[in-house]
PDB file of N, CA and C in Angstrom:
ATOM      1  N   MET A   1     125.688  86.633 130.543  1.00  0.00           N
ATOM      2  CA  MET A   1     125.612  87.580 129.524  1.00  0.00           C
ATOM      3  C   MET A   1     126.801  88.965 128.809  1.00  0.00           C
ATOM      4  N   SER A   2     127.428  89.021 127.957  1.00  0.00           N
ATOM      5  CA  SER A   2     128.923  90.158 128.248  1.00  0.00           C
ATOM      6  C   SER A   2     128.166  91.240 127.464  1.00  0.00           C
ATOM      7  N   PRO A   3     128.752  92.274 128.599  1.00  0.00           N
ATOM      8  CA  PRO A   3     128.342  93.738 128.510  1.00  0.00           C
ATOM      9  C   PRO A   3     128.011  94.069 126.154  1.00  0.00           C
ATOM     10  N   GLU A   4     128.784  93.324 125.543  1.00  0.00           N
ATOM     11  CA  GLU A   4     128.463  94.040 124.201  1.00  0.00           C
ATOM     12  C   GLU A   4     127.024  92.993 123.833  1.00  0.00           C
ATOM     13  N   VAL A   5     127.379  91.969 123.911  1.00  0.00           N
ATOM     14  CA  VAL A   5     126.464  90.717 123.582  1.00  0.00           C
ATOM     15  C   VAL A   5     124.729  91.865 123.628  1.00  0.00           C
ATOM     16  N   MET A   6     124.466  92.592 125.600  1.00  0.00           N
ATOM     17  CA  MET A   6     123.709  92.929 125.922  1.00  0.00           C
ATOM     18  C   MET A   6     123.677  93.935 125.278  1.00  0.00           C
ATOM     19  N   GLY A   7     124.561  94.704 124.582  1.00  0.00           N
ATOM     20  CA  GLY A   7     124.281  96.628 123.829  1.00  0.00           C
ATOM     21  C   GLY A   7     123.808  96.039 123.163  1.00  0.00           C
ATOM     22  N   ILE A   8     124.289  94.768 122.152  1.00  0.00           N
ATOM     23  CA  ILE A   8     123.372  94.502 120.869  1.00  0.00           C
ATOM     24  C   ILE A   8     122.113  94.121 121.071  1.00  0.00           C
ATOM     25  N   ALA A   9     121.446  92.995 121.671  1.00  0.00           N
ATOM     26  CA  ALA A   9     120.683  92.968 122.045  1.00  0.00           C
ATOM     27  C   ALA A   9     119.255  94.032 122.469  1.00  0.00           C
ATOM     28  N   ILE A  10     120.007  95.642 123.249  1.00  0.00           N
ATOM     29  CA  ILE A  10     119.014  96.247 123.421  1.00  0.00           C
ATOM     30  C   ILE A  10     118.917  96.912 122.185  1.00  0.00           C
ATOM     31  N   VAL A  11     120.000  97.361 121.446  1.00  0.00           N
ATOM     32  CA  VAL A  11     119.505  98.055 120.202  1.00  0.00           C
ATOM     33  C   VAL A  11     118.622  97.494 119.331  1.00  0.00           C
ATOM     34  N   VAL A  12     118.975  96.012 119.430  1.00  0.00           N
ATOM     35  CA  VAL A  12     118.079  95.233 118.197  1.00  0.00           C
ATOM     36  C   VAL A  12     116.095  94.984 118.610  1.00  0.00           C
ATOM     37  N   GLY A  13     116.579  95.399 119.638  1.00  0.00           N
ATOM     38  CA  GLY A  13     114.567  95.290 120.457  1.00  0.00           C
ATOM     39  C   GLY A  13     114.394  96.053 120.576  1.00  0.00           C
ATOM     40  N   THR A  14     114.867  97.658 120.290  1.00  0.00           N
ATOM     41  CA  THR A  14     114.429  99.152 120.215  1.00  0.00           C
ATOM     42  C   THR A  14     114.274  99.058 118.896  1.00  0.00           C
ATOM     43  N   VAL A  15     115.110  98.517 117.930  1.00  0.00           N
ATOM     44  CA  VAL A  15     115.245  99.136 115.894  1.00  0.00           C
ATOM     45  C   VAL A  15     113.283  98.251 116.099  1.00  0.00           C
ATOM     46  N   LEU A  16     113.656  96.870 116.471  1.00  0.00           N
ATOM     47  CA  LEU A  16     112.431  96.278 116.227  1.00  0.00           C
ATOM     48  C   LEU A  16     111.160  96.601 116.522  1.00  0.00           C
ATOM     49  N   ALA A  17     110.760  97.469 117.945  1.00  0.00           N
ATOM     50  CA  ALA A  17     110.100  98.013 118.772  1.00  0.00           C
ATOM     51  C   ALA A  17     109.461  99.455 117.709  1.00  0.00           C
ATOM     52  N   LEU A  18     110.327  99.998 117.285  1.00  0.00           N
ATOM     53  CA  LEU A  18     110.331 101.359 116.423  1.00  0.00           C
ATOM     54  C   LEU A  18     109.502 100.900 115.133  1.00  0.00           C
ATOM     55  N   VAL A  19     110.172 100.032 114.842  1.00  0.00           N
ATOM     56  CA  VAL A  19     109.784  99.547 113.543  1.00  0.00           C
ATOM     57  C   VAL A  19     107.912  98.657 113.419  1.00  0.00           C
ATOM     58  N   ILE A  20     107.945  98.232 114.661  1.00  0.00           N
ATOM     59  CA  ILE A  20     106.582  97.729 115.115  1.00  0.00           C
ATOM     60  C   ILE A  20     105.361  99.167 115.176  1.00  0.00           C
ATOM     61  N   ALA A  21     105.905 100.059 115.944  1.00  0.00           N
ATOM     62  CA  ALA A  21     105.375 100.888 115.788  1.00  0.00           C
ATOM     63  C   ALA A  21     105.334 101.957 114.762  1.00  0.00           C
ATOM     64  N   PHE A  22     105.774 102.221 114.146  1.00  0.00           N
ATOM     65  CA  PHE A  22     105.763 103.266 112.723  1.00  0.00           C
ATOM     66  C   PHE A  22     104.483 102.351 111.876  1.00  0.00           C
ATOM     67  N   GLY A  23     104.748 100.729 112.211  1.00  0.00           N
ATOM     68  CA  GLY A  23     103.648  99.958 111.039  1.00  0.00           C
ATOM     69  C   GLY A  23     102.523 100.411 111.841  1.00  0.00           C
ATOM     70  N   ARG A  24     102.438 100.337 112.502  1.00  0.00           N
ATOM     71  CA  ARG A  24     100.499 100.285 113.060  1.00  0.00           C
ATOM     72  C   ARG A  24     100.181 101.607 113.189  1.00  0.00           C
ATOM     73  N   ARG A  25     101.223 102.296 113.270  1.00  0.00           N
ATOM     74  CA  ARG A  25     100.483 103.953 113.153  1.00  0.00           C
ATOM     75  C   ARG A  25     100.430 104.517 111.329  1.00  0.00           C
ATOM     76  N   ARG A  26     101.281 104.047 110.820  1.00  0.00           N
ATOM     77  CA  ARG A  26     100.576 103.962 109.355  1.00  0.00           C
ATOM     78  C   ARG A  26      99.335 103.486 109.043  1.00  0.00           C
ATOM     79  N   SER A  27      98.791 102.281 109.512  1.00  0.00           N
ATOM     80  CA  SER A  27      97.965 101.066 109.688  1.00  0.00           C
ATOM     81  C   SER A  27      96.473 102.159 109.329  1.00  0.00           C
ATOM     82  N   ARG A  28      96.786 102.651 110.815  1.00  0.00           N
ATOM     83  CA  ARG A  28      95.771 103.314 111.553  1.00  0.00           C
ATOM     84  C   ARG A  28      95.901 104.359 110.694  1.00  0.00           C
ATOM     85  N   THR A  29      96.261 105.366 110.226  1.00  0.00           N
ATOM     86  CA  THR A  29      96.550 106.251 109.379  1.00  0.00           C
ATOM     87  C   THR A  29      95.840 105.896 107.909  1.00  0.00           C
ATOM     88  N   ALA A  30      96.401 105.349 107.706  1.00  0.00           N
ATOM     89  CA  ALA A  30      95.594 104.697 106.334  1.00  0.00           C
ATOM     90  C   ALA A  30      94.019 104.496 106.332  1.00  0.00           C
ATOM     91  N   ALA A  31      93.689 103.671 107.136  1.00  0.00           N
ATOM     92  CA  ALA A  31      92.309 103.177 107.962  1.00  0.00           C
ATOM     93  C   ALA A  31      91.744 104.082 107.937  1.00  0.00           C
ATOM     94  N   SER A  32      92.247 105.487 109.140  1.00  0.00           N
ATOM     95  CA  SER A  32      91.078 106.730 109.105  1.00  0.00           C
ATOM     96  C   SER A  32      91.279 107.695 108.017  1.00  0.00           C
ATOM     97  N   GLY A  33      92.002 107.793 106.977  1.00  0.00           N
ATOM     98  CA  GLY A  33      91.757 108.503 105.643  1.00  0.00           C
ATOM     99  C   GLY A  33      91.077 107.815 105.154  1.00  0.00           C
ATOM    100  N   ILE A  34      90.569 106.251 105.079  1.00  0.00           N
ATOM    101  CA  ILE A  34      89.594 105.473 104.367  1.00  0.00           C
ATOM    102  C   ILE A  34      88.277 105.937 104.817  1.00  0.00           C
ATOM    103  N   GLU A  35      88.274 105.887 106.020  1.00  0.00           N
ATOM    104  CA  GLU A  35      86.854 106.197 107.039  1.00  0.00           C
ATOM    105  C   GLU A  35      86.598 108.002 106.632  1.00  0.00           C
ATOM    106  N   ASP A  36      87.382 108.983 107.076  1.00  0.00           N
ATOM    107  CA  ASP A  36      87.227 109.847 106.155  1.00  0.00           C
ATOM    108  C   ASP A  36      86.715 110.068 104.664  1.00  0.00           C
ATOM    109  N   ALA A  37      87.288 109.914 104.134  1.00  0.00           N
ATOM    110  CA  ALA A  37      86.942 109.355 102.477  1.00  0.00           C
ATOM    111  C   ALA A  37      85.332 108.943 102.350  1.00  0.00           C
ATOM    112  N   LEU A  38      84.965 107.909 103.140  1.00  0.00           N
ATOM    113  CA  LEU A  38      84.119 107.240 103.368  1.00  0.00           C
ATOM    114  C   LEU A  38      82.656 107.765 103.575  1.00  0.00           C
ATOM    115  N   ALA A  39      83.128 108.591 104.357  1.00  0.00           N
ATOM    116  CA  ALA A  39      82.416 109.724 104.961  1.00  0.00           C
ATOM    117  C   ALA A  39      82.020 111.545 104.486  1.00  0.00           C
ATOM    118  N   ALA A  40      83.029 111.065 103.544  1.00  0.00           N
ATOM    119  CA  ALA A  40      82.458 113.142 102.581  1.00  0.00           C
ATOM    120  C   ALA A  40      81.395 112.353 101.639  1.00  0.00           C
ATOM    121  N   HIS A  41      80.594 113.136 101.228  1.00  0.00           N
ATOM    122  CA  HIS A  41      79.633 113.280  99.706  1.00  0.00           C
ATOM    123  C   HIS A  41      79.983 114.003  99.194  1.00  0.00           C
ATOM    124  N   GLY A  42      79.439 113.523  97.745  1.00  0.00           N
ATOM    125  CA  GLY A  42      79.729 114.613  96.294  1.00  0.00           C
ATOM    126  C   GLY A  42      81.113 114.919  96.126  1.00  0.00           C
ATOM    127  N   ALA A  43      81.517 116.165  95.627  1.00  0.00           N
ATOM    128  CA  ALA A  43      82.621 116.067  95.093  1.00  0.00           C
ATOM    129  C   ALA A  43      83.429 116.008  96.522  1.00  0.00           C
ATOM    130  N   MET A  44      83.624 116.033  97.713  1.00  0.00           N
ATOM    131  CA  MET A  44      84.411 115.713  98.512  1.00  0.00           C
ATOM    132  C   MET A  44      84.986 114.776  98.846  1.00  0.00           C
ATOM    133  N   ARG A  45      84.005 113.505  98.460  1.00  0.00           N
ATOM    134  CA  ARG A  45      84.267 112.602  98.450  1.00  0.00           C
ATOM    135  C   ARG A  45      85.191 112.078  97.226  1.00  0.00           C
ATOM    136  N   CYS A  46      85.384 112.908  96.664  1.00  0.00           N
ATOM    137  CA  CYS A  46      86.204 112.726  94.969  1.00  0.00           C
ATOM    138  C   CYS A  46      87.755 112.811  95.622  1.00  0.00           C
ATOM    139  N   ILE A  47      87.623 113.837  96.204  1.00  0.00           N
ATOM    140  CA  ILE A  47      89.091 114.773  96.061  1.00  0.00           C
ATOM    141  C   ILE A  47      90.015 113.980  97.792  1.00  0.00           C
ATOM    142  N   ALA A  48      88.898 113.634  98.981  1.00  0.00           N
ATOM    143  CA  ALA A  48      89.198 113.005  99.646  1.00  0.00           C
ATOM    144  C   ALA A  48      89.870 111.348  99.336  1.00  0.00           C
ATOM    145  N   ILE A  49      89.162 110.781  98.262  1.00  0.00           N
ATOM    146  CA  ILE A  49      89.452 109.373  97.638  1.00  0.00           C
ATOM    147  C   ILE A  49      91.136 109.507  96.796  1.00  0.00           C
ATOM    148  N   GLU A  50      91.205 110.812  96.250  1.00  0.00           N
ATOM    149  CA  GLU A  50      92.140 110.645  95.340  1.00  0.00           C
ATOM    150  C   GLU A  50      93.364 111.409  96.101  1.00  0.00           C
ATOM    151  N   GLY A  51      93.138 111.757  98.009  1.00  0.00           N
ATOM    152  CA  GLY A  51      94.473 112.109  99.029  1.00  0.00           C
ATOM    153  C   GLY A  51      95.005 110.587  98.900  1.00  0.00           C
ATOM    154  N   VAL A  52      93.718 109.836  99.809  1.00  0.00           N
ATOM    155  CA  VAL A  52      94.055 108.686 100.248  1.00  0.00           C
ATOM    156  C   VAL A  52      94.917 107.592  98.732  1.00  0.00           C
ATOM    157  N   LEU A  53      94.452 107.812  97.887  1.00  0.00           N
ATOM    158  CA  LEU A  53      95.182 106.861  96.952  1.00  0.00           C
ATOM    159  C   LEU A  53      96.238 107.709  96.499  1.00  0.00           C
ATOM    160  N   ALA A  54      96.351 108.704  96.518  1.00  0.00           N
ATOM    161  CA  ALA A  54      97.920 109.633  96.536  1.00  0.00           C
ATOM    162  C   ALA A  54      98.500 108.923  97.483  1.00  0.00           C
ATOM    163  N   ARG A  55      98.569 108.785  98.449  1.00  0.00           N
ATOM    164  CA  ARG A  55      99.265 108.443 100.194  1.00  0.00           C
ATOM    165  C   ARG A  55      99.655 107.386  99.936  1.00  0.00           C
ATOM    166  N   LEU A  56      98.920 105.848  99.190  1.00  0.00           N
ATOM    167  CA  LEU A  56      99.103 105.016  99.138  1.00  0.00           C
ATOM    168  C   LEU A  56     100.236 104.579  97.651  1.00  0.00           C
ATOM    169  N   ALA A  57      99.556 105.224  96.751  1.00  0.00           N
ATOM    170  CA  ALA A  57     100.307 105.217  95.576  1.00  0.00           C
ATOM    171  C   ALA A  57     102.135 105.560  95.669  1.00  0.00           C
ATOM    172  N   THR A  58     102.480 106.509  96.835  1.00  0.00           N
ATOM    173  CA  THR A  58     103.743 107.037  97.456  1.00  0.00           C
ATOM    174  C   THR A  58     104.218 106.191  98.492  1.00  0.00           C
ATOM    175  N   ARG A  59     103.613 105.534  99.421  1.00  0.00           N
ATOM    176  CA  ARG A  59     103.580 104.997 100.502  1.00  0.00           C
ATOM    177  C   ARG A  59     103.388 103.576 101.120  1.00  0.00           C
ATOM    178  N   GLY A  60     102.094 102.915 100.311  1.00  0.00           N
ATOM    179  CA  GLY A  60     101.855 102.051 100.753  1.00  0.00           C
ATOM    180  C   GLY A  60     102.454 101.006  99.438  1.00  0.00           C
ATOM    181  N   GLY A  61     102.266  99.788 100.567  1.00  0.00           N
ATOM    182  CA  GLY A  61     102.869  98.462  99.883  1.00  0.00           C
ATOM    183  C   GLY A  61     100.987  97.785  98.621  1.00  0.00           C
ATOM    184  N   SER A  62     101.630  97.166  97.594  1.00  0.00           N
ATOM    185  CA  SER A  62     100.563  96.635  97.362  1.00  0.00           C
ATOM    186  C   SER A  62      98.995  95.741  98.159  1.00  0.00           C
ATOM    187  N   PRO A  63      99.190  95.262  99.093  1.00  0.00           N
ATOM    188  CA  PRO A  63      98.704  94.728 100.136  1.00  0.00           C
ATOM    189  C   PRO A  63      97.517  95.866 100.401  1.00  0.00           C
ATOM    190  N   ASP A  64      98.137  97.201 100.729  1.00  0.00           N
ATOM    191  CA  ASP A  64      97.379  98.072 101.291  1.00  0.00           C
ATOM    192  C   ASP A  64      96.363  99.085 100.271  1.00  0.00           C
ATOM    193  N   ILE A  65      97.335  98.570  98.977  1.00  0.00           N
ATOM    194  CA  ILE A  65      96.441  99.171  97.837  1.00  0.00           C
ATOM    195  C   ILE A  65      95.078  98.609  97.438  1.00  0.00           C
ATOM    196  N   VAL A  66      95.240  97.106  97.687  1.00  0.00           N
ATOM    197  CA  VAL A  66      93.993  95.872  97.319  1.00  0.00           C
ATOM    198  C   VAL A  66      93.216  96.311  98.278  1.00  0.00           C
ATOM    199  N   ALA A  67      93.262  96.353  99.667  1.00  0.00           N
ATOM    200  CA  ALA A  67      92.527  96.221 100.603  1.00  0.00           C
ATOM    201  C   ALA A  67      92.049  97.731 100.672  1.00  0.00           C
ATOM    202  N   ALA A  68      92.497  98.670 100.204  1.00  0.00           N
ATOM    203  CA  ALA A  68      91.797 100.118 100.289  1.00  0.00           C
ATOM    204  C   ALA A  68      90.873  99.898  98.737  1.00  0.00           C
ATOM    205  N   TRP A  69      91.118  99.599  97.867  1.00  0.00           N
ATOM    206  CA  TRP A  69      90.464  99.607  96.519  1.00  0.00           C
ATOM    207  C   TRP A  69      89.047  99.241  96.934  1.00  0.00           C
ATOM    208  N   ALA A  70      89.403  97.981  97.291  1.00  0.00           N
ATOM    209  CA  ALA A  70      88.043  96.709  98.032  1.00  0.00           C
ATOM    210  C   ALA A  70      86.953  98.033  98.181  1.00  0.00           C
ATOM    211  N   ARG A  71      87.250  98.724  99.035  1.00  0.00           N
ATOM    212  CA  ARG A  71      86.520  99.604  99.830  1.00  0.00           C
ATOM    213  C   ARG A  71      86.295 101.117  99.196  1.00  0.00           C
ATOM    214  N   LEU A  72      86.732 101.403  98.355  1.00  0.00           N
ATOM    215  CA  LEU A  72      87.076 102.443  97.631  1.00  0.00           C
ATOM    216  C   LEU A  72      86.586 103.029  96.058  1.00  0.00           C
ATOM    217  N   GLU A  73      86.365 101.897  95.680  1.00  0.00           N
ATOM    218  CA  GLU A  73      86.643 101.731  94.189  1.00  0.00           C
ATOM    219  C   GLU A  73      84.790 102.422  93.954  1.00  0.00           C
ATOM    220  N   ARG A  74      84.199 101.734  94.632  1.00  0.00           N
ATOM    221  CA  ARG A  74      82.314 101.534  94.064  1.00  0.00           C
ATOM    222  C   ARG A  74      82.247 103.506  94.794  1.00  0.00           C
ATOM    223  N   PRO A  75      82.735 103.973  96.058  1.00  0.00           N
ATOM    224  CA  PRO A  75      82.160 105.044  96.628  1.00  0.00           C
ATOM    225  C   PRO A  75      83.305 105.927  95.195  1.00  0.00           C
ATOM    226  N   LEU A  76      84.272 105.924  94.732  1.00  0.00           N
ATOM    227  CA  LEU A  76      84.449 106.758  93.780  1.00  0.00           C
ATOM    228  C   LEU A  76      83.880 106.713  92.950  1.00  0.00           C
ATOM    229  N   LEU A  77      83.690 105.428  92.473  1.00  0.00           N
ATOM    230  CA  LEU A  77      83.029 105.615  90.905  1.00  0.00           C
ATOM    231  C   LEU A  77      81.006 106.223  90.874  1.00  0.00           C
ATOM    232  N   GLU A  78      80.757 106.345  92.478  1.00  0.00           N
ATOM    233  CA  GLU A  78      79.427 107.156  92.728  1.00  0.00           C
ATOM    234  C   GLU A  78      79.709 108.575  92.408  1.00  0.00           C
ATOM    235  N   ALA A  79      81.061 109.003  93.206  1.00  0.00           N
ATOM    236  CA  ALA A  79      81.286 110.249  93.303  1.00  0.00           C
ATOM    237  C   ALA A  79      81.550 111.474  92.369  1.00  0.00           C
ATOM    238  N   LEU A  80      82.549 110.137  90.936  1.00  0.00           N
ATOM    239  CA  LEU A  80      82.997 110.567  90.029  1.00  0.00           C
ATOM    240  C   LEU A  80      81.716 111.870  89.032  1.00  0.00           C
ATOM    241  N   PRO A  81      80.229 111.669  88.868  1.00  0.00           N
ATOM    242  CA  PRO A  81      80.174 112.869  88.466  1.00  0.00           C
ATOM    243  C   PRO A  81      80.166 114.297  88.898  1.00  0.00           C
ATOM    244  N   ASP A  82      80.199 114.260  91.120  1.00  0.00           N
ATOM    245  CA  ASP A  82      80.506 115.271  91.439  1.00  0.00           C
ATOM    246  C   ASP A  82      82.053 115.556  91.197  1.00  0.00           C
ATOM    247  N   CYS A  83      82.903 115.192  90.297  1.00  0.00           N
ATOM    248  CA  CYS A  83      84.370 115.466  90.425  1.00  0.00           C
ATOM    249  C   CYS A  83      84.817 116.687  89.760  1.00  0.00           C
ATOM    250  N   PRO A  84      85.131 117.374  90.657  1.00  0.00           N
ATOM    251  CA  PRO A  84      85.738 118.929  89.678  1.00  0.00           C
ATOM    252  C   PRO A  84      86.484 118.372  88.700  1.00  0.00           C
ATOM    253  N   PRO A  85      86.366 119.039  87.575  1.00  0.00           N
ATOM    254  CA  PRO A  85      86.919 118.847  86.457  1.00  0.00           C
ATOM    255  C   PRO A  85      88.842 119.076  86.923  1.00  0.00           C
ATOM    256  N   ASP A  86      88.713 120.013  87.473  1.00  0.00           N
ATOM    257  CA  ASP A  86      90.572 120.350  87.883  1.00  0.00           C
ATOM    258  C   ASP A  86      91.023 119.085  88.138  1.00  0.00           C
ATOM    259  N   LEU A  87      90.049 117.885  89.293  1.00  0.00           N
ATOM    260  CA  LEU A  87      91.009 117.359  89.445  1.00  0.00           C
ATOM    261  C   LEU A  87      91.076 115.540  88.716  1.00  0.00           C
ATOM    262  N   LYS A  88      89.881 115.423  88.183  1.00  0.00           N
ATOM    263  CA  LYS A  88      90.007 114.827  87.166  1.00  0.00           C
ATOM    264  C   LYS A  88      91.508 113.723  86.307  1.00  0.00           C
ATOM    265  N   ALA A  89      92.313 114.966  86.307  1.00  0.00           N
ATOM    266  CA  ALA A  89      93.952 114.657  85.597  1.00  0.00           C
ATOM    267  C   ALA A  89      94.674 113.865  86.710  1.00  0.00           C
ATOM    268  N   PRO A  90      94.641 114.362  87.946  1.00  0.00           N
ATOM    269  CA  PRO A  90      95.367 114.406  89.091  1.00  0.00           C
ATOM    270  C   PRO A  90      94.913 112.993  89.162  1.00  0.00           C
ATOM    271  N   LEU A  91      93.745 113.132  89.499  1.00  0.00           N
ATOM    272  CA  LEU A  91      92.796 111.792  89.987  1.00  0.00           C
ATOM    273  C   LEU A  91      93.369 110.498  89.240  1.00  0.00           C
ATOM    274  N   ALA A  92      93.031 110.709  87.725  1.00  0.00           N
ATOM    275  CA  ALA A  92      93.659 109.589  86.964  1.00  0.00           C
ATOM    276  C   ALA A  92      95.474 109.503  86.827  1.00  0.00           C
ATOM    277  N   TRP A  93      96.066 110.814  87.172  1.00  0.00           N
ATOM    278  CA  TRP A  93      97.487 109.955  87.247  1.00  0.00           C
ATOM    279  C   TRP A  93      97.610 108.948  88.719  1.00  0.00           C
ATOM    280  N   THR A  94      96.835 109.596  89.730  1.00  0.00           N
ATOM    281  CA  THR A  94      96.929 108.582  90.841  1.00  0.00           C
ATOM    282  C   THR A  94      97.102 107.065  90.588  1.00  0.00           C
ATOM    283  N   LEU A  95      95.439 107.245  90.005  1.00  0.00           N
ATOM    284  CA  LEU A  95      94.786 105.278  90.025  1.00  0.00           C
ATOM    285  C   LEU A  95      96.098 104.927  88.467  1.00  0.00           C
ATOM    286  N   GLU A  96      96.715 105.852  87.971  1.00  0.00           N
ATOM    287  CA  GLU A  96      98.238 104.704  87.498  1.00  0.00           C
ATOM    288  C   GLU A  96      99.465 104.434  88.500  1.00  0.00           C
ATOM    289  N   ARG A  97      99.619 105.877  89.481  1.00  0.00           N
ATOM    290  CA  ARG A  97     100.758 104.940  89.650  1.00  0.00           C
ATOM    291  C   ARG A  97     100.020 104.367  90.870  1.00  0.00           C
ATOM    292  N   CYS A  98      99.043 103.979  91.496  1.00  0.00           N
ATOM    293  CA  CYS A  98      98.418 102.940  92.479  1.00  0.00           C
ATOM    294  C   CYS A  98      98.862 101.352  91.566  1.00  0.00           C
ATOM    295  N   ALA A  99      97.481 101.836  90.380  1.00  0.00           N
ATOM    296  CA  ALA A  99      97.853 100.484  89.505  1.00  0.00           C
ATOM    297  C   ALA A  99      99.896  99.922  89.433  1.00  0.00           C
ATOM    298  N   GLN A 100     100.104 100.783  89.013  1.00  0.00           N
ATOM    299  CA  GLN A 100     101.810 100.645  88.645  1.00  0.00           C
ATOM    300  C   GLN A 100     102.487  99.499  89.870  1.00  0.00           C
ATOM    301  N   ALA A 101     101.965 100.354  91.320  1.00  0.00           N
ATOM    302  CA  ALA A 101     102.200 100.201  92.148  1.00  0.00           C
ATOM    303  C   ALA A 101     101.970  98.729  93.122  1.00  0.00           C
ATOM    304  N   CYS A 102     101.281  97.960  92.402  1.00  0.00           N
ATOM    305  CA  CYS A 102     100.257  96.714  92.731  1.00  0.00           C
ATOM    306  C   CYS A 102     100.666  95.842  92.211  1.00  0.00           C
ATOM    307  N   SER A 103     100.581  94.410  92.592  1.00  0.00           N
ATOM    308  CA  SER A 103     101.014  93.777  92.127  1.00  0.00           C
ATOM    309  C   SER A 103     100.296  92.700  91.442  1.00  0.00           C
ATOM    310  N   ASN A 104      98.803  92.415  92.230  1.00  0.00           N
ATOM    311  CA  ASN A 104      97.603  92.128  92.282  1.00  0.00           C
ATOM    312  C   ASN A 104      96.639  92.292  90.917  1.00  0.00           C
ATOM    313  N   ARG A 105      97.064  91.788  89.954  1.00  0.00           N
ATOM    314  CA  ARG A 105      97.114  91.717  88.415  1.00  0.00           C
ATOM    315  C   ARG A 105      95.220  92.441  87.819  1.00  0.00           C
ATOM    316  N   ALA A 106      94.491  91.931  88.784  1.00  0.00           N
ATOM    317  CA  ALA A 106      92.899  92.129  89.065  1.00  0.00           C
ATOM    318  C   ALA A 106      92.849  93.698  89.346  1.00  0.00           C
ATOM    319  N   ILE A 107      93.312  93.914  90.615  1.00  0.00           N
ATOM    320  CA  ILE A 107      93.306  95.191  91.269  1.00  0.00           C
ATOM    321  C   ILE A 107      93.763  96.528  90.136  1.00  0.00           C
ATOM    322  N   ALA A 108      95.254  96.026  89.762  1.00  0.00           N
ATOM    323  CA  ALA A 108      95.486  96.839  88.501  1.00  0.00           C
ATOM    324  C   ALA A 108      95.212  97.142  87.809  1.00  0.00           C
ATOM    325  N   GLN A 109      94.008  95.947  87.233  1.00  0.00           N
ATOM    326  CA  GLN A 109      93.432  96.331  85.617  1.00  0.00           C
ATOM    327  C   GLN A 109      92.035  96.990  86.169  1.00  0.00           C
ATOM    328  N   SER A 110      91.557  97.123  87.604  1.00  0.00           N
ATOM    329  CA  SER A 110      90.748  97.380  87.916  1.00  0.00           C
ATOM    330  C   SER A 110      90.633  98.959  88.131  1.00  0.00           C
ATOM    331  N   LEU A 111      91.831  99.474  88.763  1.00  0.00           N
ATOM    332  CA  LEU A 111      92.385 100.772  88.602  1.00  0.00           C
ATOM    333  C   LEU A 111      92.347 101.324  87.429  1.00  0.00           C
ATOM    334  N   MET A 112      93.019 100.621  86.361  1.00  0.00           N
ATOM    335  CA  MET A 112      93.185 101.493  84.920  1.00  0.00           C
ATOM    336  C   MET A 112      92.043 101.351  84.179  1.00  0.00           C
ATOM    337  N   THR A 113      91.473 100.758  84.149  1.00  0.00           N
ATOM    338  CA  THR A 113      89.739 100.680  83.831  1.00  0.00           C
ATOM    339  C   THR A 113      89.579 102.021  84.411  1.00  0.00           C
ATOM    340  N   VAL A 114      89.314 102.704  85.537  1.00  0.00           N
ATOM    341  CA  VAL A 114      88.197 103.677  86.193  1.00  0.00           C
ATOM    342  C   VAL A 114      89.121 104.519  85.260  1.00  0.00           C
ATOM    343  N   ARG A 115      90.632 104.919  85.527  1.00  0.00           N
ATOM    344  CA  ARG A 115      91.598 105.874  84.842  1.00  0.00           C
ATOM    345  C   ARG A 115      91.091 106.027  83.528  1.00  0.00           C
ATOM    346  N   ASN A 116      91.083 105.067  82.846  1.00  0.00           N
ATOM    347  CA  ASN A 116      91.007 104.648  81.220  1.00  0.00           C
ATOM    348  C   ASN A 116      89.478 105.821  81.034  1.00  0.00           C
ATOM    349  N   GLY A 117      88.415 105.782  82.024  1.00  0.00           N
ATOM    350  CA  GLY A 117      87.217 106.578  81.890  1.00  0.00           C
ATOM    351  C   GLY A 117      87.564 107.856  82.093  1.00  0.00           C
ATOM    352  N   LEU A 118      88.572 108.222  83.108  1.00  0.00           N
ATOM    353  CA  LEU A 118      88.438 109.653  83.187  1.00  0.00           C
ATOM    354  C   LEU A 118      89.154 110.708  82.590  1.00  0.00           C
ATOM    355  N   MET A 119      89.474 109.794  81.417  1.00  0.00           N
ATOM    356  CA  MET A 119      90.427 110.214  80.157  1.00  0.00           C
ATOM    357  C   MET A 119      89.921 110.630  78.903  1.00  0.00           C
ATOM    358  N   PRO A 120      90.075 111.977  78.529  1.00  0.00           N
ATOM    359  CA  PRO A 120      88.762 112.240  76.927  1.00  0.00           C
ATOM    360  C   PRO A 120      89.182 111.959  75.931  1.00  0.00           C
TER     361      PRO A 120
END
């Protein structure tokens, strides 16, 4: 094998390893954020879920949003009565951004239903 081919193979291998490592780290971070949100109670749960959804709306893909929403929808609904009034508008905006980023129509509709319930 020539030195040029060997160099290209090393570069490609390194890039693939970095992509895989970053993907695993991102999945662990999202999962730990969900676990932290589920462990919280009352207003803190509402705040934590808004943070998780905001990160997913910005960096997550549709499959990440679908998986997270399956776990977070009911706990969020249970926490909404304790949700600080100042957080309701940012939470509504975050839910809308998640719905826009989600290609699963049923999940996007569910996100928007909760969002619409927050609006006066």
